[in-house]
């Protein structure tokens, strides 16, 4: 639940109604309520000038004004600056101011989906104000979001692992198929039709070549010994 409460210097009005910081802060609050955030921020900034802070109460004045300014910065989604201003509010001596500042900080962290930081801020709010029902509800919401975030992360990791396993399996399958293909080619190279190996085929060809030469020599001798021809061997 979104809740930003402006702080005023109501305890001081009776005797310091003309103090600059009080006047500027409360006028800025009016602009804030009307949605005129730029004007509100300008007055908060003026209120924080050293000359406008009360003697001996400057740090406390600064904490209150910074808290109000942080609420305004949150409205315009200037979250980084808002966090800085809330942290100054957390230095207040008053519990109500510190609790409100931690609450605002927790809400900003929630908007930025920084759930762990949001959780810490709301816990601190409840430590200072155990009866803050809004802070309790927000704490429950943050815890649910953290669980959802964890489940989503686990699901993403599971899908990534599954995708990686599929890629590895596909790569291994391709390697196996390539290896089998290469082995098949080797086997085809080593084998000739009829189940004869390459070595056996080479021996067969050699034997046939030898037989052919012997037959050729026999035929030559028969040819020259018949019909009056003489077979003459000649050295060249």
Protein backbone atom coordinates (compact mmCIF):
# COMPACT_ATOMS: atom_id res chain seq x y z
CA UNK A 1 0.00 0.00 0.00
CA UNK A 2 1.33 3.37 -1.00
CA UNK A 3 1.29 5.90 1.80
CA UNK A 4 3.38 9.03 2.08
CA UNK A 5 2.61 11.33 4.97
CA UNK A 6 3.89 14.86 5.04
CA UNK A 7 5.38 16.14 8.27
CA UNK A 8 4.71 19.61 9.60
CA UNK A 9 6.19 21.57 12.44
CA UNK A 10 2.89 21.61 14.30
CA UNK A 11 4.55 21.46 17.73
CA UNK A 12 6.37 24.70 17.09
CA UNK A 13 3.68 26.91 15.63
CA UNK A 14 2.68 28.40 18.96
CA UNK A 15 5.98 30.10 19.54
CA UNK A 16 7.92 29.95 16.26
CA UNK A 17 5.25 30.63 13.70
CA UNK A 18 7.46 33.10 11.91
CA UNK A 19 10.49 30.81 11.64
CA UNK A 20 11.49 30.62 7.96
CA UNK A 21 11.96 26.82 7.90
CA UNK A 22 8.50 26.29 9.39
CA UNK A 23 6.80 28.67 6.99
CA UNK A 24 8.61 27.40 3.90
CA UNK A 25 8.07 23.73 4.80
CA UNK A 26 4.36 24.12 5.43
CA UNK A 27 3.81 26.20 2.30
CA UNK A 28 5.65 23.52 0.31
CA UNK A 29 3.34 20.92 1.83
CA UNK A 30 0.35 22.82 0.45
CA UNK A 31 1.83 22.78 -3.04
CA UNK A 32 2.50 19.06 -2.66
CA UNK A 33 -1.14 18.36 -1.78
CA UNK A 34 -2.23 20.27 -4.88
CA UNK A 35 0.10 18.22 -7.07
CA UNK A 36 2.36 21.20 -7.82
CA UNK A 37 5.53 19.25 -7.16
CA UNK A 38 8.00 21.60 -8.84
CA UNK A 39 6.91 24.50 -6.66
CA UNK A 40 6.94 22.28 -3.59
CA UNK A 41 10.51 21.16 -4.28
CA UNK A 42 11.65 24.75 -4.72
CA UNK A 43 10.28 25.73 -1.31
CA UNK A 44 11.74 22.65 0.37
CA UNK A 45 15.12 23.56 -1.13
CA UNK A 46 14.81 27.11 0.18
CA UNK A 47 13.83 25.80 3.60
CA UNK A 48 17.06 23.79 3.78
CA UNK A 49 19.30 26.83 3.33
CA UNK A 50 21.38 27.35 6.49
CA UNK A 51 20.01 30.86 7.04
CA UNK A 52 16.47 29.49 7.23
CA UNK A 53 17.13 26.69 9.73
CA UNK A 54 16.52 27.29 13.42
CA UNK A 55 19.50 27.77 15.73
CA UNK A 56 20.46 24.55 17.56
CA UNK A 57 17.72 22.61 15.75
CA UNK A 58 19.14 22.68 12.25
CA UNK A 59 19.77 18.89 11.95
CA UNK A 60 16.25 18.06 13.10
CA UNK A 61 14.73 20.64 10.76
CA UNK A 62 16.83 19.23 7.93
CA UNK A 63 15.63 15.66 8.62
CA UNK A 64 11.96 16.69 8.47
CA UNK A 65 12.29 18.82 5.34
CA UNK A 66 14.39 16.19 3.59
CA UNK A 67 11.70 13.60 4.32
CA UNK A 68 8.99 15.81 2.82
CA UNK A 69 11.19 16.58 -0.17
CA UNK A 70 11.79 12.83 -0.62
CA UNK A 71 8.04 12.24 -0.84
CA UNK A 72 7.82 14.86 -3.55
CA UNK A 73 10.78 13.39 -5.46
CA UNK A 74 9.05 10.01 -5.28
CA UNK A 75 5.96 11.50 -6.91
CA UNK A 76 8.02 12.63 -9.90
CA UNK A 77 9.89 9.28 -9.93
CA UNK A 78 13.28 10.80 -9.15
CA UNK A 79 14.00 7.69 -7.10
CA UNK A 80 17.76 8.04 -6.61
CA UNK A 81 17.41 11.55 -5.19
CA UNK A 82 14.44 10.42 -3.11
CA UNK A 83 16.50 7.67 -1.48
CA UNK A 84 19.21 10.18 -0.56
CA UNK A 85 16.64 12.50 1.00
CA UNK A 86 14.97 9.65 2.91
CA UNK A 87 18.32 8.66 4.38
CA UNK A 88 18.69 12.15 5.80
CA UNK A 89 15.22 11.79 7.28
CA UNK A 90 16.39 8.58 8.96
CA UNK A 91 18.89 10.60 11.02
CA UNK A 92 16.09 12.31 12.96
CA UNK A 93 15.95 11.94 16.72
CA UNK A 94 12.21 11.39 16.53
CA UNK A 95 10.97 7.86 15.98
CA UNK A 96 7.98 9.00 13.95
CA UNK A 97 10.24 10.77 11.47
CA UNK A 98 12.67 7.85 11.18
CA UNK A 99 9.82 5.34 10.80
CA UNK A 100 8.21 7.44 8.08
CA UNK A 101 11.52 7.81 6.25
CA UNK A 102 12.20 4.06 6.30
CA UNK A 103 8.67 3.45 5.06
CA UNK A 104 9.17 5.80 2.11
CA UNK A 105 12.53 4.26 1.32
CA UNK A 106 10.99 0.79 1.39
CA UNK A 107 8.32 1.86 -1.06
CA UNK A 108 10.90 3.32 -3.49
CA UNK A 109 12.96 0.13 -3.37
CA UNK A 110 9.79 -1.83 -4.08
CA UNK A 111 9.08 0.30 -7.16
CA UNK A 112 12.58 -0.46 -8.41
CA UNK A 113 12.04 -4.19 -7.71
CA UNK A 114 14.87 -4.18 -5.19
CA UNK A 115 12.90 -6.41 -2.90
CA UNK A 116 15.64 -7.29 -0.43
CA UNK A 117 16.34 -3.61 0.25
CA UNK A 118 12.61 -2.95 0.47
CA UNK A 119 12.26 -5.77 2.99
CA UNK A 120 14.99 -4.30 5.21
CA UNK A 121 13.38 -0.85 5.13
CA UNK A 122 9.92 -2.10 6.10
CA UNK A 123 11.41 -4.24 8.89
CA UNK A 124 13.10 -1.12 10.25
CA UNK A 125 9.79 0.74 10.01
CA UNK A 126 8.10 -1.94 12.11
CA UNK A 127 10.94 -1.96 14.61
CA UNK A 128 10.30 1.73 15.20
CA UNK A 129 6.51 1.46 14.96
CA UNK A 130 5.23 -2.11 15.52
CA UNK A 131 1.61 -0.98 15.07
CA UNK A 132 2.07 0.26 11.49
CA UNK A 133 -0.47 -1.90 9.64
CA UNK A 134 0.49 -0.56 6.22
CA UNK A 135 4.10 -1.52 6.78
CA UNK A 136 3.01 -5.03 7.80
CA UNK A 137 0.93 -5.46 4.65
CA UNK A 138 3.74 -4.14 2.51
CA UNK A 139 6.15 -6.55 4.19
CA UNK A 140 3.90 -9.47 3.23
CA UNK A 141 3.69 -8.23 -0.36
CA UNK A 142 7.47 -7.90 -0.57
CA UNK A 143 7.95 -11.45 0.73
CA UNK A 144 5.56 -12.79 -1.93
CA UNK A 145 7.38 -10.87 -4.64
CA UNK A 146 10.72 -12.24 -3.45
CA UNK A 147 9.33 -15.79 -3.64
CA UNK A 148 7.96 -15.14 -7.14
CA UNK A 149 11.29 -13.69 -8.20
CA UNK A 150 13.13 -16.72 -6.83
CA UNK A 151 10.75 -19.15 -8.58
CA UNK A 152 11.08 -17.24 -11.85
CA UNK A 153 14.87 -17.31 -11.58
CA UNK A 154 14.87 -21.06 -10.92
CA UNK A 155 12.57 -21.60 -13.91
CA UNK A 156 14.85 -19.55 -16.17
CA UNK A 157 17.90 -21.48 -15.00
CA UNK A 158 16.09 -24.78 -15.57
CA UNK A 159 15.14 -23.76 -19.11
CA UNK A 160 18.69 -22.63 -19.83
CA UNK A 161 20.09 -25.94 -18.58
CA UNK A 162 17.55 -27.86 -20.66
CA UNK A 163 18.45 -25.83 -23.75
CA UNK A 164 22.14 -26.45 -23.14
CA UNK A 165 21.55 -30.18 -22.73
CA UNK A 166 19.59 -30.26 -26.00
CA UNK A 167 22.40 -28.45 -27.81
CA UNK A 168 25.03 -30.79 -26.34
CA UNK A 169 22.93 -33.84 -27.26
CA UNK A 170 22.49 -32.58 -30.81
CA UNK A 171 26.20 -31.85 -31.14
CA UNK A 172 27.10 -35.32 -29.85
CA UNK A 173 24.64 -36.90 -32.27
CA UNK A 174 26.17 -35.00 -35.18
CA UNK A 175 29.65 -36.09 -34.12
CA UNK A 176 28.51 -39.71 -33.90
CA UNK A 177 26.86 -39.56 -37.32
CA UNK A 178 29.98 -37.98 -38.82
CA UNK A 179 32.19 -40.61 -37.25
CA UNK A 180 29.95 -43.41 -38.50
CA UNK A 181 29.96 -41.89 -42.00
CA UNK A 182 33.76 -41.70 -42.04
CA UNK A 183 34.03 -45.28 -40.81
CA UNK A 184 31.62 -46.44 -43.50
CA UNK A 185 33.68 -44.76 -46.20
CA UNK A 186 36.81 -46.50 -44.91
CA UNK A 187 35.03 -49.84 -44.97
CA UNK A 188 33.78 -49.19 -48.52
CA UNK A 189 37.32 -48.35 -49.58
CA UNK A 190 38.71 -51.53 -48.06
CA UNK A 191 36.02 -53.78 -49.58
CA UNK A 192 35.31 -54.71 -53.22
CA UNK A 193 32.23 -56.49 -54.61
CA UNK A 194 31.91 -60.11 -53.53
CA UNK A 195 33.18 -59.46 -50.03
CA UNK A 196 36.85 -59.39 -51.15
CA UNK A 197 39.20 -57.08 -49.29
CA UNK A 198 41.54 -54.67 -51.02
CA UNK A 199 44.58 -56.81 -50.20
CA UNK A 200 42.91 -59.89 -51.58
CA UNK A 201 41.97 -58.04 -54.76
CA UNK A 202 45.54 -56.84 -55.24
CA UNK A 203 46.89 -60.37 -54.84
CA UNK A 204 44.32 -61.65 -57.33
CA UNK A 205 45.27 -58.99 -59.90
CA UNK A 206 48.93 -59.77 -59.45
CA UNK A 207 48.28 -63.50 -60.01
CA UNK A 208 46.16 -62.77 -63.11
CA UNK A 209 48.88 -60.51 -64.49
CA UNK A 210 51.47 -63.21 -63.96
CA UNK A 211 49.29 -65.81 -65.65
CA UNK A 212 48.62 -63.48 -68.56
CA UNK A 213 52.34 -62.95 -69.15
CA UNK A 214 53.00 -66.67 -69.08
CA UNK A 215 50.20 -67.30 -71.58
CA UNK A 216 51.52 -64.55 -73.82
CA UNK A 217 54.99 -66.08 -73.88
CA UNK A 218 53.59 -69.50 -74.74
CA UNK A 219 51.52 -68.10 -77.58
CA UNK A 220 54.53 -66.28 -79.05
CA UNK A 221 56.61 -69.43 -79.11
CA UNK A 222 53.85 -71.38 -80.78
CA UNK A 223 53.40 -68.66 -83.38
CA UNK A 224 57.05 -68.47 -84.43
CA UNK A 225 57.62 -72.23 -84.39
CA UNK A 226 54.84 -72.87 -86.88
CA UNK A 227 54.72 -71.97 -90.61
CA UNK A 228 58.48 -71.62 -91.17
CA UNK A 229 58.96 -68.70 -88.86
CA UNK A 230 61.80 -68.69 -86.45
CA UNK A 231 61.52 -67.06 -83.06
CA UNK A 232 64.64 -65.02 -82.44
CA UNK A 233 65.45 -63.42 -79.20
CA UNK A 234 67.31 -60.15 -79.61
CA UNK A 235 69.08 -57.87 -77.22
CA UNK A 236 68.58 -54.17 -77.86
